[in-house]
Amino acid sequence: MANYGALIIGDLNSYDKEDPVDAILASGYTDLISRFQGEYAYSYVFDRQVGYLDHALSSATLTPRVTGATI
């Protein structure tokens, strides 16, 4: 069986620039929302601050196979 890598999806209860997500990205994962929706992607507005808590993160071996991602 081929190993295509790993995908982490769902509400991680952390914004895309916070430490928990940064730690996952530092381990080699790619933020697919940022990659396909851009730097200003968001799904949540609180007190005029925008961001997203729902994530799609792919491992280095899976990333080349991903063709899109949306919130």
Protein backbone atom coordinates (compact mmCIF):
# COMPACT_ATOMS: atom_id res chain seq x y z
CA MET A 1 0.00 0.00 0.00
CA ALA A 2 1.34 3.45 -0.92
CA ASN A 3 1.95 6.03 1.79
CA TYR A 4 0.71 9.38 0.53
CA GLY A 5 1.30 11.22 3.79
CA ALA A 6 -0.97 12.77 6.38
CA LEU A 7 -3.69 15.40 6.46
CA ILE A 8 -4.75 17.31 9.58
CA ILE A 9 -8.16 18.91 9.16
CA GLY A 10 -10.65 20.54 11.50
CA ASP A 11 -11.01 23.10 14.25
CA LEU A 12 -7.67 23.22 16.09
CA ASN A 13 -8.90 26.03 18.37
CA SER A 14 -5.83 28.04 17.39
CA TYR A 15 -5.42 30.80 14.82
CA ASP A 16 -3.06 30.28 11.90
CA LYS A 17 -0.29 32.46 13.40
CA GLU A 18 -0.41 31.05 16.96
CA ASP A 19 2.18 28.76 18.54
CA PRO A 20 0.32 25.41 18.18
CA VAL A 21 -0.14 25.84 14.43
CA ASP A 22 3.40 27.24 14.07
CA ALA A 23 4.72 24.07 15.75
CA ILE A 24 2.88 21.85 13.25
CA LEU A 25 4.17 23.94 10.34
CA ALA A 26 7.71 23.80 11.73
CA SER A 27 7.51 19.99 11.64
CA GLY A 28 7.09 20.08 7.86
CA TYR A 29 3.35 20.50 7.30
CA THR A 30 1.87 22.98 4.80
CA ASP A 31 -1.04 25.31 5.60
CA LEU A 32 -3.35 24.53 2.69
CA ILE A 33 -5.84 27.30 3.51
CA SER A 34 -3.10 29.91 3.25
CA ARG A 35 -1.63 28.26 0.16
CA PHE A 36 -4.89 28.12 -1.81
CA GLN A 37 -6.93 30.97 -0.28
CA GLY A 38 -4.14 33.46 0.34
CA GLU A 39 -2.62 35.33 3.24
CA TYR A 40 -5.88 37.08 4.11
CA ALA A 41 -8.11 34.00 4.27
CA TYR A 42 -10.55 33.96 7.18
CA SER A 43 -13.63 32.17 8.43
CA TYR A 44 -14.08 33.92 11.76
CA VAL A 45 -14.54 37.54 12.83
CA PHE A 46 -14.39 38.55 16.49
CA ASP A 47 -14.17 42.13 17.72
CA ARG A 48 -13.17 43.22 14.19
CA GLN A 49 -10.29 40.71 14.15
CA VAL A 50 -10.30 38.11 11.38
CA GLY A 51 -8.68 34.71 11.16
CA TYR A 52 -9.44 31.02 10.98
CA LEU A 53 -9.57 28.22 13.51
CA ASP A 54 -10.45 25.53 10.97
CA HIS A 55 -7.35 24.17 9.33
CA ALA A 56 -6.19 21.92 6.51
CA LEU A 57 -2.54 20.96 6.99
CA SER A 58 -0.74 18.45 4.80
CA SER A 59 2.52 16.58 5.28
CA ALA A 60 5.40 17.21 2.89
CA THR A 61 4.72 13.96 1.00
CA LEU A 62 1.02 14.76 0.53
CA THR A 63 1.27 18.46 -0.35
CA PRO A 64 2.27 17.95 -4.01
CA ARG A 65 -0.88 15.85 -4.53
CA VAL A 66 -3.30 18.47 -3.14
CA THR A 67 -5.11 20.46 -5.83
CA GLY A 68 -7.14 22.86 -3.67
CA ALA A 69 -8.52 23.75 -0.27
CA THR A 70 -11.29 25.99 0.97
CA ILE A 71 -12.91 26.84 4.27
